Amino acid sequence: MPFEKKVWGVKFAIELAPDEIESNLDKLPKDKLIVAACPGSTRSPFAAAFLREKGFNATYLEEGLIELMKTLKTANAKKFLED
């Protein structure tokens, strides 16, 4: 969503709102894993399922971006990087 792009600003990502995915399928790589992500993992499972139906290798960030950031800000970051 537009306000989420401002907050998260994931520079290495292709940032698409849910309603933009279908019209931008040609911009997504078929030869790489696509990880759909949203702050709380409410929309990303649906995006990943849609992409899989379209022939993409897709999954989603199960705990969402908020939990990922919490993990990376704590002592658990080292464990996360080792897994």
C-alpha atoms as a PDB file:
ATOM      1  CA  MET A   1       0.000   0.000   0.000  1.00  0.00           C
ATOM      2  CA  PRO A   2       1.303   3.549  -0.661  1.00  0.00           C
ATOM      3  CA  PHE A   3       1.762   4.496   3.012  1.00  0.00           C
ATOM      4  CA  GLU A   4       3.554   1.200   3.669  1.00  0.00           C
ATOM      5  CA  LYS A   5       6.033   1.935   0.889  1.00  0.00           C
ATOM      6  CA  LYS A   6       6.987   5.132   2.732  1.00  0.00           C
ATOM      7  CA  VAL A   7       7.410   3.330   6.057  1.00  0.00           C
ATOM      8  CA  TRP A   8       9.201   0.192   4.892  1.00  0.00           C
ATOM      9  CA  GLY A   9      11.101   1.396   1.845  1.00  0.00           C
ATOM     10  CA  VAL A  10      12.617  -1.984   0.958  1.00  0.00           C
ATOM     11  CA  LYS A  11      15.106  -0.862  -1.687  1.00  0.00           C
ATOM     12  CA  PHE A  12      15.906  -4.319  -3.068  1.00  0.00           C
ATOM     13  CA  ALA A  13      12.235  -5.191  -3.574  1.00  0.00           C
ATOM     14  CA  ILE A  14       9.739  -4.743  -6.336  1.00  0.00           C
ATOM     15  CA  GLU A  15       7.037  -2.942  -4.408  1.00  0.00           C
ATOM     16  CA  LEU A  16       3.539  -3.642  -5.689  1.00  0.00           C
ATOM     17  CA  ALA A  17       0.165  -3.085  -4.075  1.00  0.00           C
ATOM     18  CA  PRO A  18      -2.190  -6.061  -4.279  1.00  0.00           C
ATOM     19  CA  ASP A  19      -4.156  -4.485  -7.120  1.00  0.00           C
ATOM     20  CA  GLU A  20      -0.942  -3.883  -9.106  1.00  0.00           C
ATOM     21  CA  ILE A  21       0.365  -7.457  -9.174  1.00  0.00           C
ATOM     22  CA  GLU A  22      -1.593  -8.813 -12.119  1.00  0.00           C
ATOM     23  CA  SER A  23      -0.761  -5.896 -14.407  1.00  0.00           C
ATOM     24  CA  ASN A  24       2.952  -6.176 -13.552  1.00  0.00           C
ATOM     25  CA  LEU A  25       3.556  -9.910 -13.929  1.00  0.00           C
ATOM     26  CA  ASP A  26       5.954  -9.207 -16.804  1.00  0.00           C
ATOM     27  CA  LYS A  27       8.252  -7.352 -14.374  1.00  0.00           C
ATOM     28  CA  LEU A  28       8.601 -10.331 -12.034  1.00  0.00           C
ATOM     29  CA  PRO A  29      11.338 -12.942 -12.451  1.00  0.00           C
ATOM     30  CA  LYS A  30      10.260 -16.478 -13.314  1.00  0.00           C
ATOM     31  CA  ASP A  31      13.706 -17.866 -12.452  1.00  0.00           C
ATOM     32  CA  LYS A  32      13.876 -16.638  -8.830  1.00  0.00           C
ATOM     33  CA  LEU A  33      11.967 -17.203  -5.621  1.00  0.00           C
ATOM     34  CA  ILE A  34       9.533 -14.372  -4.967  1.00  0.00           C
ATOM     35  CA  VAL A  35       8.786 -13.661  -1.315  1.00  0.00           C
ATOM     36  CA  ALA A  36       5.610 -11.657  -0.839  1.00  0.00           C
ATOM     37  CA  ALA A  37       5.635  -9.560   2.316  1.00  0.00           C
ATOM     38  CA  CYS A  38       3.406  -7.132   4.145  1.00  0.00           C
ATOM     39  CA  PRO A  39       3.598  -5.737   7.676  1.00  0.00           C
ATOM     40  CA  GLY A  40       1.452  -8.379   9.326  1.00  0.00           C
ATOM     41  CA  SER A  41       1.172 -11.150   6.738  1.00  0.00           C
ATOM     42  CA  THR A  42      -2.511 -10.514   6.055  1.00  0.00           C
ATOM     43  CA  ARG A  43      -2.246  -9.918   2.301  1.00  0.00           C
ATOM     44  CA  SER A  44       1.001 -11.644   1.409  1.00  0.00           C
ATOM     45  CA  PRO A  45      -0.336 -15.241   1.534  1.00  0.00           C
ATOM     46  CA  PHE A  46      -2.916 -14.309  -1.088  1.00  0.00           C
ATOM     47  CA  ALA A  47      -0.309 -12.606  -3.262  1.00  0.00           C
ATOM     48  CA  ALA A  48       1.951 -15.661  -3.082  1.00  0.00           C
ATOM     49  CA  ALA A  49      -0.922 -18.024  -3.931  1.00  0.00           C
ATOM     50  CA  PHE A  50      -1.896 -15.858  -6.910  1.00  0.00           C
ATOM     51  CA  LEU A  51       1.689 -15.808  -8.158  1.00  0.00           C
ATOM     52  CA  ARG A  52       1.993 -19.595  -7.820  1.00  0.00           C
ATOM     53  CA  GLU A  53      -1.192 -19.965  -9.886  1.00  0.00           C
ATOM     54  CA  LYS A  54       0.489 -17.848 -12.562  1.00  0.00           C
ATOM     55  CA  GLY A  55       3.544 -20.124 -12.629  1.00  0.00           C
ATOM     56  CA  PHE A  56       5.914 -18.244 -10.323  1.00  0.00           C
ATOM     57  CA  ASN A  57       7.991 -19.788  -7.553  1.00  0.00           C
ATOM     58  CA  ALA A  58       6.447 -17.776  -4.720  1.00  0.00           C
ATOM     59  CA  THR A  59       6.058 -17.888  -0.975  1.00  0.00           C
ATOM     60  CA  TYR A  60       5.375 -15.287   1.714  1.00  0.00           C
ATOM     61  CA  LEU A  61       7.038 -13.945   4.822  1.00  0.00           C
ATOM     62  CA  GLU A  62       5.031 -15.890   7.400  1.00  0.00           C
ATOM     63  CA  GLU A  63       5.420 -13.562  10.362  1.00  0.00           C
ATOM     64  CA  GLY A  64       5.333 -10.357   8.339  1.00  0.00           C
ATOM     65  CA  LEU A  65       7.719  -7.440   8.178  1.00  0.00           C
ATOM     66  CA  ILE A  66       6.921  -6.195  11.689  1.00  0.00           C
ATOM     67  CA  GLU A  67       8.043  -9.452  13.295  1.00  0.00           C
ATOM     68  CA  LEU A  68      11.083  -9.630  11.034  1.00  0.00           C
ATOM     69  CA  MET A  69      12.175  -6.172  12.186  1.00  0.00           C
ATOM     70  CA  LYS A  70      11.637  -7.138  15.834  1.00  0.00           C
ATOM     71  CA  THR A  71      13.840 -10.190  15.329  1.00  0.00           C
ATOM     72  CA  LEU A  72      16.572  -8.213  13.624  1.00  0.00           C
ATOM     73  CA  LYS A  73      16.600  -5.613  16.421  1.00  0.00           C
ATOM     74  CA  THR A  74      17.204  -8.142  19.201  1.00  0.00           C
ATOM     75  CA  ALA A  75      19.815 -10.670  20.187  1.00  0.00           C
ATOM     76  CA  ASN A  76      17.904 -13.125  17.989  1.00  0.00           C
ATOM     77  CA  ALA A  77      19.364 -11.460  14.874  1.00  0.00           C
ATOM     78  CA  LYS A  78      22.485 -13.628  15.007  1.00  0.00           C
ATOM     79  CA  LYS A  79      20.396 -16.802  15.209  1.00  0.00           C
ATOM     80  CA  PHE A  80      18.245 -15.580  12.304  1.00  0.00           C
ATOM     81  CA  LEU A  81      21.318 -15.080  10.154  1.00  0.00           C
ATOM     82  CA  GLU A  82      22.730 -18.502  11.036  1.00  0.00           C
ATOM     83  CA  ASP A  83      19.561 -20.427  10.062  1.00  0.00           C
END
